[in-house]
Each structure stands twice: as C-alpha cells, then as structure tokens.
Protein backbone atom coordinates (compact mmCIF):
# COMPACT_ATOMS: atom_id res chain seq x y z
CA MET A 1 85.70 -23.78 -88.27
CA ALA A 2 89.23 -25.13 -88.57
CA ASP A 3 90.98 -26.13 -85.29
CA ASN A 4 94.61 -25.12 -84.66
CA ILE A 5 97.14 -27.85 -84.02
CA VAL A 6 99.32 -27.39 -80.82
CA ASP A 7 102.08 -29.24 -79.06
CA VAL A 8 101.43 -29.64 -75.36
CA THR A 9 104.40 -30.36 -73.17
CA ILE A 10 104.09 -32.07 -69.84
CA THR A 11 106.82 -33.14 -67.43
CA GLY A 12 106.69 -36.14 -65.13
CA SER A 13 108.79 -38.04 -62.70
CA ASP A 14 109.53 -40.83 -65.07
CA ALA A 15 108.97 -41.96 -68.72
CA ASP A 16 106.88 -44.98 -67.70
CA SER A 17 104.30 -42.92 -65.77
CA LEU A 18 104.08 -40.45 -68.58
CA ALA A 19 103.66 -43.31 -71.08
CA GLU A 20 100.64 -44.60 -69.10
CA PHE A 21 99.18 -41.06 -68.84
CA THR A 22 99.69 -40.56 -72.67
CA LYS A 23 98.12 -43.83 -73.62
CA ARG A 24 94.95 -42.78 -71.64
CA LEU A 25 94.93 -39.36 -73.45
CA VAL A 26 95.31 -41.09 -76.82
CA ALA A 27 92.66 -43.68 -76.03
CA ASP A 28 90.23 -40.94 -75.08
CA ARG A 29 91.07 -39.10 -78.26
CA LEU A 30 92.47 -35.98 -76.36
CA ALA A 31 95.75 -36.28 -78.17
CA ALA A 32 96.71 -37.94 -81.56
CA CYS A 33 100.09 -38.98 -80.17
CA GLY A 34 102.84 -38.23 -77.63
CA ASN A 35 106.57 -38.34 -77.92
CA ILE A 36 108.29 -39.13 -74.67
CA ILE A 37 111.76 -37.80 -73.92
CA SER A 38 113.67 -39.41 -71.02
CA GLY A 39 116.58 -37.92 -69.28
CA VAL A 40 115.24 -34.38 -68.75
CA ARG A 41 116.81 -32.50 -66.01
CA SER A 42 114.57 -29.79 -64.50
CA ILE A 43 116.02 -27.06 -62.32
CA TYR A 44 113.36 -24.77 -60.67
CA ARG A 45 112.31 -22.95 -57.59
CA TRP A 46 109.57 -24.64 -55.53
CA GLY A 47 108.66 -24.01 -51.91
CA ASN A 48 111.38 -21.40 -51.58
CA GLU A 49 114.14 -23.88 -52.48
CA ILE A 50 115.93 -24.66 -55.68
CA GLN A 51 115.09 -28.11 -57.02
CA ASP A 52 117.27 -30.20 -59.38
CA GLN A 53 115.41 -33.31 -60.58
CA ALA A 54 115.68 -35.91 -63.19
CA GLU A 55 112.36 -36.03 -65.10
CA ALA A 56 110.81 -37.12 -68.37
CA LEU A 57 108.85 -34.98 -70.91
CA VAL A 58 106.04 -35.83 -73.26
CA VAL A 59 105.11 -33.70 -76.32
CA LEU A 60 101.50 -34.21 -77.21
CA HIS A 61 100.14 -33.41 -80.72
CA THR A 62 96.50 -32.27 -80.41
CA ARG A 63 93.91 -29.63 -81.12
CA GLU A 64 94.01 -26.25 -79.42
CA SER A 65 90.44 -26.72 -78.29
CA LEU A 66 91.38 -29.86 -76.24
CA VAL A 67 94.01 -28.20 -74.08
CA PRO A 68 91.62 -27.37 -71.30
CA ALA A 69 90.64 -31.06 -71.11
CA ILE A 70 94.19 -32.03 -71.05
CA ILE A 71 94.89 -29.63 -68.15
CA ASP A 72 91.80 -30.93 -66.36
CA ARG A 73 93.17 -34.59 -66.74
CA ALA A 74 96.67 -33.52 -65.55
CA ASP A 75 95.06 -31.90 -62.44
CA ALA A 76 93.22 -35.17 -61.67
CA GLU A 77 95.80 -37.84 -62.62
CA HIS A 78 99.35 -36.17 -62.36
CA ALA A 79 101.37 -36.86 -59.36
CA ASP A 80 102.51 -33.15 -59.03
CA ASP A 81 100.23 -30.66 -57.28
CA THR A 82 100.93 -28.13 -60.07
CA PRO A 83 101.84 -30.10 -63.13
CA GLN A 84 103.76 -28.39 -65.93
CA VAL A 85 101.36 -28.26 -68.88
CA ILE A 86 102.20 -25.85 -71.66
CA ALA A 87 100.56 -25.58 -75.05
CA VAL A 88 102.62 -24.10 -77.88
CA PRO A 89 101.07 -23.09 -81.24
CA THR A 90 102.54 -24.72 -84.29
CA VAL A 91 103.90 -22.43 -86.98
CA GLY A 92 103.74 -24.87 -89.82
CA VAL A 93 102.27 -28.48 -90.08
CA HIS A 94 102.53 -30.86 -92.91
CA PRO A 95 98.97 -30.92 -94.37
CA GLY A 96 98.64 -34.71 -94.15
CA TYR A 97 99.98 -34.82 -90.62
CA ARG A 98 97.64 -32.00 -89.50
CA GLN A 99 94.66 -33.96 -90.97
CA TRP A 100 95.75 -37.05 -89.21
CA VAL A 101 95.89 -35.19 -85.81
CA LEU A 102 92.43 -33.81 -86.51
CA ASP A 103 91.04 -37.18 -87.45
CA GLU A 104 92.55 -38.83 -84.38
CA THR A 105 91.31 -36.38 -81.88
CA ALA A 106 87.88 -35.55 -80.51
CA VAL A 107 86.04 -32.41 -81.53
C-alpha cells in the first residue's frame, strides 16, 4: 500500500534547538528532511493570557504513517508541555521527490 506524504510543522523557541531535534528525526528515519524558518512570531492564548513570542518553525517532509511517532518524540523531547505539531497532507508532490521521501523514511 502506498504511503501518503505529509508536511509536519513544529514550532520551537529557536532555530538551533529545532535543528538538533530535526537532525535526530532524520537520523532515525522519521523524516526525510526539515526546512527551518527563523524569525517566526507567534501570538496565542496560553494560561488565560495572550502570548507574543519569537519562535522558529520546522517543516518536516515525511510519511503520514510516521506522524504518531513524531508526535511521541515531540512529547518526549520538546521543551513545551504541549508542542505545536501539525501534519498537513500534500496535494501534489514531484514523483521523484515523493520517492526520495519514501526511500529516506522508515516504514
């Protein structure tokens, strides 16, 4: 059965900590790669207060079937009590890139 490719976004306090987290996910074949974006500004309600924080964001490219394992890793390794982990289905993927993601991730 073919596995769907998804993008998983995760925010973190800074790009360096997200880079280390992403390296571990790639090493363990939970993601084929991650693109880290610095300078994200997150505004949200937490603990009944409005928060306004500088953060970074990683976009992981992976299999849909690996999302639960990524969530488990974020729960275990992320600094936040409730890390933002969102999987978004891809509408279209270059066939060669799709194959590369499948080849580089665990089944």
